[in-house]
Amino acid sequence: QVQLVESGGGLVQAGDSLRLSCAASGRTFSSYNMAWFRQSPGKERDLLASISSGTGTIKHYADSVKGRFTISRDNAKNMVVLQMSSLEPEDTAVYYCAAWLGSVYDPKFDRWGQGTRVTVSS
C-alpha cells in the first residue's frame, strides 16, 4: 500500500503563497485518488481538494479554497501538490494528504500522511 509524507509547510504572511507536497511510496501511486485536508485546533478535519487517479482529470475544491488553492499530481514523481495563494490567517492549520482506491466519488480516505503545519501571520 502507498505511504504518504507531506512537506512544504511553514510560517508565512497573509497574502503569501505556499506549495505543499505529498510524496508517495510504491509503484501504484497513479491508481490512487488523492486529497488534501486540514485541521485547526479544536476543529474537525476538513476536506480541501481532491483529484482523481490516473491523469487527474476530475478535481473538486471546497468553497473556502476555490480560486486560491490548486491541486495537481505528477505520477512520474509519485507526488501530489497543493499550491496555495492569497493565504489568510484562517488558513493556519495542519495539512494532511490522503489516498484511496476505487471511485473518486466514493472516497474512503484509508491512507494518510503525518501532516505538515502551516501558519499564516497577519
N, C-alpha and C. Protein backbone atom coordinates (compact mmCIF):
# COMPACT_ATOMS: atom_id res chain seq x y z
N GLN A 1 0.83 -1.19 0.00
CA GLN A 1 0.00 0.00 0.00
C GLN A 1 0.87 1.25 0.00
N VAL A 2 0.28 2.35 -0.43
CA VAL A 2 1.03 3.59 -0.53
C VAL A 2 1.26 4.21 0.85
N GLN A 3 2.44 4.76 1.04
CA GLN A 3 2.79 5.53 2.24
C GLN A 3 2.93 6.98 1.82
N LEU A 4 2.45 7.91 2.67
CA LEU A 4 2.40 9.31 2.30
C LEU A 4 3.21 10.17 3.26
N VAL A 5 3.96 11.12 2.70
CA VAL A 5 4.74 12.05 3.52
C VAL A 5 4.56 13.46 2.98
N GLU A 6 4.00 14.34 3.82
CA GLU A 6 3.78 15.73 3.41
C GLU A 6 5.00 16.57 3.74
N SER A 7 5.17 17.64 2.98
CA SER A 7 6.24 18.61 3.25
C SER A 7 5.83 19.95 2.67
N GLY A 8 6.59 20.99 3.05
CA GLY A 8 6.37 22.31 2.49
C GLY A 8 5.70 23.31 3.41
N GLY A 9 5.27 22.84 4.57
CA GLY A 9 4.63 23.76 5.50
C GLY A 9 5.62 24.75 6.08
N GLY A 10 5.10 25.75 6.75
CA GLY A 10 5.97 26.74 7.38
C GLY A 10 5.19 27.96 7.81
N LEU A 11 5.92 28.99 8.15
CA LEU A 11 5.34 30.27 8.59
C LEU A 11 5.41 31.27 7.44
N VAL A 12 4.27 31.80 7.09
CA VAL A 12 4.19 32.79 6.02
C VAL A 12 3.32 33.94 6.48
N GLN A 13 3.33 35.02 5.69
CA GLN A 13 2.49 36.17 6.00
C GLN A 13 1.22 36.13 5.17
N ALA A 14 0.22 36.81 5.64
CA ALA A 14 -1.04 36.91 4.89
C ALA A 14 -0.76 37.46 3.50
N GLY A 15 -1.40 36.83 2.52
CA GLY A 15 -1.20 37.23 1.13
C GLY A 15 -0.14 36.44 0.40
N ASP A 16 0.68 35.72 1.15
CA ASP A 16 1.75 34.92 0.55
C ASP A 16 1.19 33.66 -0.10
N SER A 17 2.06 33.00 -0.83
CA SER A 17 1.75 31.71 -1.42
C SER A 17 2.64 30.64 -0.80
N LEU A 18 2.17 29.40 -0.88
CA LEU A 18 2.93 28.27 -0.34
C LEU A 18 2.57 27.03 -1.13
N ARG A 19 3.57 26.18 -1.31
CA ARG A 19 3.37 24.95 -2.08
C ARG A 19 3.61 23.75 -1.17
N LEU A 20 2.58 22.97 -0.97
CA LEU A 20 2.69 21.75 -0.19
C LEU A 20 2.84 20.55 -1.12
N SER A 21 3.69 19.63 -0.70
CA SER A 21 3.90 18.41 -1.48
C SER A 21 3.56 17.19 -0.64
N CYS A 22 3.10 16.16 -1.30
CA CYS A 22 2.83 14.89 -0.65
C CYS A 22 3.50 13.82 -1.50
N ALA A 23 4.56 13.23 -0.95
CA ALA A 23 5.29 12.20 -1.66
C ALA A 23 4.76 10.83 -1.27
N ALA A 24 4.56 10.00 -2.26
CA ALA A 24 4.00 8.67 -2.03
C ALA A 24 5.01 7.59 -2.40
N SER A 25 5.05 6.55 -1.60
CA SER A 25 5.88 5.41 -1.93
C SER A 25 5.06 4.41 -2.72
N GLY A 26 5.73 3.44 -3.31
CA GLY A 26 5.01 2.39 -4.01
C GLY A 26 4.90 2.64 -5.51
N ARG A 27 4.64 1.58 -6.21
CA ARG A 27 4.59 1.65 -7.66
C ARG A 27 3.20 1.83 -8.21
N THR A 28 2.21 1.93 -7.32
CA THR A 28 0.83 2.02 -7.79
C THR A 28 0.21 3.37 -7.49
N PHE A 29 1.05 4.39 -7.32
CA PHE A 29 0.54 5.72 -6.96
C PHE A 29 -0.51 6.20 -7.92
N SER A 30 -0.31 5.99 -9.20
CA SER A 30 -1.24 6.52 -10.19
C SER A 30 -2.64 5.93 -10.04
N SER A 31 -2.76 4.81 -9.35
CA SER A 31 -4.06 4.17 -9.15
C SER A 31 -4.88 4.82 -8.04
N TYR A 32 -4.23 5.66 -7.25
CA TYR A 32 -4.89 6.26 -6.09
C TYR A 32 -5.50 7.62 -6.41
N ASN A 33 -6.71 7.81 -5.94
CA ASN A 33 -7.25 9.15 -5.84
C ASN A 33 -6.58 9.83 -4.66
N MET A 34 -6.40 11.15 -4.74
CA MET A 34 -5.68 11.85 -3.70
C MET A 34 -6.48 13.06 -3.22
N ALA A 35 -6.22 13.44 -1.99
CA ALA A 35 -6.94 14.60 -1.44
C ALA A 35 -6.06 15.31 -0.43
N TRP A 36 -6.39 16.57 -0.20
CA TRP A 36 -5.78 17.37 0.85
C TRP A 36 -6.85 17.78 1.86
N PHE A 37 -6.50 17.67 3.12
CA PHE A 37 -7.33 18.09 4.23
C PHE A 37 -6.54 19.07 5.08
N ARG A 38 -7.24 19.73 5.99
CA ARG A 38 -6.56 20.49 7.02
C ARG A 38 -7.37 20.42 8.32
N GLN A 39 -6.65 20.62 9.40
CA GLN A 39 -7.29 20.59 10.70
C GLN A 39 -6.68 21.67 11.59
N SER A 40 -7.55 22.53 12.09
CA SER A 40 -7.14 23.57 13.04
C SER A 40 -7.44 23.07 14.45
N PRO A 41 -6.76 23.63 15.44
CA PRO A 41 -7.00 23.19 16.82
C PRO A 41 -8.46 23.31 17.21
N GLY A 42 -9.00 22.25 17.76
CA GLY A 42 -10.37 22.25 18.22
C GLY A 42 -11.41 22.11 17.13
N LYS A 43 -10.97 21.91 15.91
CA LYS A 43 -11.91 21.79 14.80
C LYS A 43 -11.77 20.44 14.12
N GLU A 44 -12.77 20.12 13.32
CA GLU A 44 -12.73 18.87 12.57
C GLU A 44 -11.77 18.99 11.39
N ARG A 45 -11.37 17.83 10.91
CA ARG A 45 -10.52 17.79 9.72
C ARG A 45 -11.40 18.04 8.50
N ASP A 46 -11.05 19.06 7.72
CA ASP A 46 -11.87 19.46 6.57
C ASP A 46 -11.21 19.08 5.25
N LEU A 47 -12.02 18.59 4.35
CA LEU A 47 -11.56 18.28 3.00
C LEU A 47 -11.42 19.57 2.21
N LEU A 48 -10.25 19.77 1.60
CA LEU A 48 -10.00 20.98 0.83
C LEU A 48 -10.09 20.75 -0.67
N ALA A 49 -9.47 19.66 -1.12
CA ALA A 49 -9.39 19.42 -2.55
C ALA A 49 -9.14 17.94 -2.80
N SER A 50 -9.62 17.46 -3.93
CA SER A 50 -9.37 16.08 -4.30
C SER A 50 -9.08 16.00 -5.79
N ILE A 51 -8.38 14.94 -6.17
CA ILE A 51 -8.02 14.75 -7.57
C ILE A 51 -8.11 13.26 -7.87
N SER A 52 -8.63 12.94 -9.02
CA SER A 52 -8.84 11.54 -9.37
C SER A 52 -7.53 10.86 -9.75
N SER A 53 -7.59 9.54 -9.76
CA SER A 53 -6.43 8.73 -10.13
C SER A 53 -6.09 8.92 -11.60
N GLY A 54 -4.98 8.30 -12.01
CA GLY A 54 -4.56 8.42 -13.40
C GLY A 54 -4.14 9.83 -13.75
N THR A 55 -4.74 10.37 -14.77
CA THR A 55 -4.35 11.70 -15.24
C THR A 55 -4.93 12.84 -14.41
N GLY A 56 -5.74 12.53 -13.44
CA GLY A 56 -6.25 13.56 -12.54
C GLY A 56 -7.20 14.53 -13.20
N THR A 57 -8.05 14.04 -14.05
CA THR A 57 -8.94 14.93 -14.78
C THR A 57 -10.10 15.45 -13.93
N ILE A 58 -10.41 14.75 -12.86
CA ILE A 58 -11.53 15.16 -12.01
C ILE A 58 -10.96 15.79 -10.75
N LYS A 59 -11.31 17.04 -10.52
CA LYS A 59 -10.86 17.76 -9.34
C LYS A 59 -12.06 18.41 -8.64
N HIS A 60 -11.99 18.46 -7.33
CA HIS A 60 -13.01 19.12 -6.56
C HIS A 60 -12.35 19.99 -5.50
N TYR A 61 -12.99 21.10 -5.19
CA TYR A 61 -12.46 22.02 -4.20
C TYR A 61 -13.56 22.43 -3.23
N ALA A 62 -13.16 22.61 -1.99
CA ALA A 62 -14.08 23.20 -1.02
C ALA A 62 -14.28 24.67 -1.36
N ASP A 63 -15.45 25.19 -1.05
CA ASP A 63 -15.74 26.59 -1.36
C ASP A 63 -14.74 27.53 -0.69
N SER A 64 -14.26 27.13 0.46
CA SER A 64 -13.37 28.01 1.23
C SER A 64 -12.02 28.23 0.54
N VAL A 65 -11.65 27.35 -0.38
CA VAL A 65 -10.34 27.49 -1.03
C VAL A 65 -10.44 27.61 -2.54
N LYS A 66 -11.63 27.52 -3.07
CA LYS A 66 -11.82 27.57 -4.52
C LYS A 66 -11.29 28.91 -5.05
N GLY A 67 -10.47 28.83 -6.08
CA GLY A 67 -9.88 30.04 -6.66
C GLY A 67 -8.56 30.43 -6.03
N ARG A 68 -8.25 29.88 -4.85
CA ARG A 68 -6.98 30.21 -4.19
C ARG A 68 -6.03 29.01 -4.15
N PHE A 69 -6.58 27.81 -4.06
CA PHE A 69 -5.76 26.60 -3.96
C PHE A 69 -5.93 25.78 -5.24
N THR A 70 -4.86 25.13 -5.63
CA THR A 70 -4.88 24.26 -6.81
C THR A 70 -4.22 22.93 -6.47
N ILE A 71 -4.91 21.85 -6.77
CA ILE A 71 -4.36 20.52 -6.56
C ILE A 71 -3.89 19.97 -7.90
N SER A 72 -2.76 19.28 -7.87
CA SER A 72 -2.24 18.66 -9.08
C SER A 72 -1.45 17.41 -8.69
N ARG A 73 -1.16 16.59 -9.66
CA ARG A 73 -0.40 15.37 -9.39
C ARG A 73 0.63 15.14 -10.48
N ASP A 74 1.72 14.50 -10.09
CA ASP A 74 2.77 14.12 -11.01
C ASP A 74 3.05 12.64 -10.75
N ASN A 75 2.50 11.78 -11.56
CA ASN A 75 2.63 10.34 -11.33
C ASN A 75 4.06 9.85 -11.54
N ALA A 76 4.80 10.53 -12.39
CA ALA A 76 6.20 10.14 -12.61
C ALA A 76 7.03 10.35 -11.35
N LYS A 77 6.64 11.34 -10.54
CA LYS A 77 7.35 11.64 -9.30
C LYS A 77 6.64 11.10 -8.07
N ASN A 78 5.52 10.41 -8.27
CA ASN A 78 4.72 9.90 -7.14
C ASN A 78 4.40 11.03 -6.16
N MET A 79 3.84 12.10 -6.68
CA MET A 79 3.63 13.27 -5.84
C MET A 79 2.32 13.96 -6.18
N VAL A 80 1.70 14.49 -5.14
CA VAL A 80 0.55 15.37 -5.31
C VAL A 80 0.89 16.69 -4.63
N VAL A 81 0.48 17.77 -5.25
CA VAL A 81 0.85 19.11 -4.80
C VAL A 81 -0.40 19.93 -4.52
N LEU A 82 -0.33 20.73 -3.48
CA LEU A 82 -1.36 21.72 -3.21
C LEU A 82 -0.70 23.09 -3.27
N GLN A 83 -1.00 23.83 -4.31
CA GLN A 83 -0.48 25.20 -4.46
C GLN A 83 -1.49 26.15 -3.83
N MET A 84 -1.01 26.91 -2.85
CA MET A 84 -1.90 27.79 -2.11
C MET A 84 -1.47 29.23 -2.34
N SER A 85 -2.42 30.09 -2.59
CA SER A 85 -2.12 31.50 -2.79
C SER A 85 -3.08 32.35 -1.97
N SER A 86 -2.76 33.63 -1.87
CA SER A 86 -3.58 34.57 -1.10
C SER A 86 -3.93 34.01 0.27
N LEU A 87 -2.93 33.52 0.94
CA LEU A 87 -3.17 32.88 2.24
C LEU A 87 -3.65 33.88 3.27
N GLU A 88 -4.51 33.37 4.14
CA GLU A 88 -5.13 34.17 5.19
C GLU A 88 -4.82 33.52 6.53
N PRO A 89 -4.87 34.30 7.60
CA PRO A 89 -4.65 33.69 8.92
C PRO A 89 -5.58 32.51 9.19
N GLU A 90 -6.76 32.53 8.61
CA GLU A 90 -7.71 31.43 8.80
C GLU A 90 -7.25 30.14 8.13
N ASP A 91 -6.24 30.22 7.30
CA ASP A 91 -5.69 29.02 6.66
C ASP A 91 -4.68 28.30 7.57
N THR A 92 -4.39 28.89 8.70
CA THR A 92 -3.48 28.25 9.64
C THR A 92 -4.05 26.92 10.11
N ALA A 93 -3.28 25.85 9.94
CA ALA A 93 -3.74 24.51 10.27
C ALA A 93 -2.62 23.51 10.00
N VAL A 94 -2.88 22.28 10.38
CA VAL A 94 -2.05 21.17 9.93
C VAL A 94 -2.71 20.59 8.68
N TYR A 95 -1.92 20.44 7.64
CA TYR A 95 -2.43 19.98 6.36
C TYR A 95 -2.01 18.52 6.14
N TYR A 96 -2.97 17.73 5.71
CA TYR A 96 -2.76 16.30 5.50
C TYR A 96 -3.13 15.91 4.07
N CYS A 97 -2.40 14.96 3.55
CA CYS A 97 -2.85 14.35 2.30
C CYS A 97 -3.39 12.95 2.60
N ALA A 98 -4.28 12.52 1.75
CA ALA A 98 -4.94 11.23 1.91
C ALA A 98 -5.07 10.56 0.56
N ALA A 99 -5.20 9.25 0.58
CA ALA A 99 -5.30 8.48 -0.66
C ALA A 99 -6.32 7.38 -0.52
N TRP A 100 -6.93 7.04 -1.63
CA TRP A 100 -7.85 5.89 -1.63
C TRP A 100 -7.96 5.34 -3.03
N LEU A 101 -8.32 4.07 -3.10
CA LEU A 101 -8.53 3.38 -4.37
C LEU A 101 -10.01 3.37 -4.70
N GLY A 102 -10.32 3.08 -5.95
CA GLY A 102 -11.70 2.98 -6.35
C GLY A 102 -12.20 4.27 -6.97
N SER A 103 -13.48 4.51 -6.85
CA SER A 103 -14.09 5.69 -7.45
C SER A 103 -13.73 6.95 -6.67
N VAL A 104 -13.47 8.01 -7.41
CA VAL A 104 -13.20 9.29 -6.76
C VAL A 104 -14.46 9.81 -6.09
N TYR A 105 -15.61 9.31 -6.50
CA TYR A 105 -16.89 9.75 -5.93
C TYR A 105 -17.29 8.92 -4.71
N ASP A 106 -16.47 7.96 -4.35
CA ASP A 106 -16.73 7.11 -3.18
C ASP A 106 -15.47 7.09 -2.32
N PRO A 107 -15.14 8.25 -1.73
CA PRO A 107 -13.87 8.34 -1.00
C PRO A 107 -13.86 7.51 0.27
N LYS A 108 -12.77 6.84 0.48
CA LYS A 108 -12.57 6.03 1.67
C LYS A 108 -11.48 6.61 2.57
N PHE A 109 -10.57 7.41 2.00
CA PHE A 109 -9.51 8.08 2.75
C PHE A 109 -8.83 7.11 3.71
N ASP A 110 -8.39 5.98 3.21
CA ASP A 110 -7.84 4.98 4.12
C ASP A 110 -6.33 5.05 4.26
N ARG A 111 -5.67 5.96 3.56
CA ARG A 111 -4.24 6.17 3.74
C ARG A 111 -4.00 7.66 4.02
N TRP A 112 -3.19 7.92 5.06
CA TRP A 112 -2.96 9.30 5.50
C TRP A 112 -1.48 9.55 5.71
N GLY A 113 -1.10 10.80 5.47
CA GLY A 113 0.24 11.23 5.86
C GLY A 113 0.23 11.73 7.29
N GLN A 114 1.39 12.19 7.75
CA GLN A 114 1.53 12.63 9.14
C GLN A 114 1.19 14.10 9.31
N GLY A 115 1.09 14.83 8.23
CA GLY A 115 0.71 16.23 8.28
C GLY A 115 1.90 17.18 8.22
N THR A 116 1.63 18.38 7.73
CA THR A 116 2.62 19.46 7.73
C THR A 116 1.93 20.73 8.19
N ARG A 117 2.59 21.47 9.06
CA ARG A 117 1.94 22.62 9.69
C ARG A 117 2.16 23.88 8.87
N VAL A 118 1.05 24.62 8.69
CA VAL A 118 1.09 25.91 8.00
C VAL A 118 0.58 26.97 8.97
N THR A 119 1.37 28.01 9.13
CA THR A 119 0.97 29.13 9.98
C THR A 119 1.01 30.40 9.15
N VAL A 120 -0.11 31.11 9.14
CA VAL A 120 -0.21 32.35 8.38
C VAL A 120 -0.37 33.50 9.36
N SER A 121 0.59 34.40 9.36
CA SER A 121 0.52 35.54 10.28
C SER A 121 -0.14 36.72 9.59
N SER A 122 -0.79 37.55 10.40
CA SER A 122 -1.49 38.72 9.84
C SER A 122 -0.60 39.93 9.77
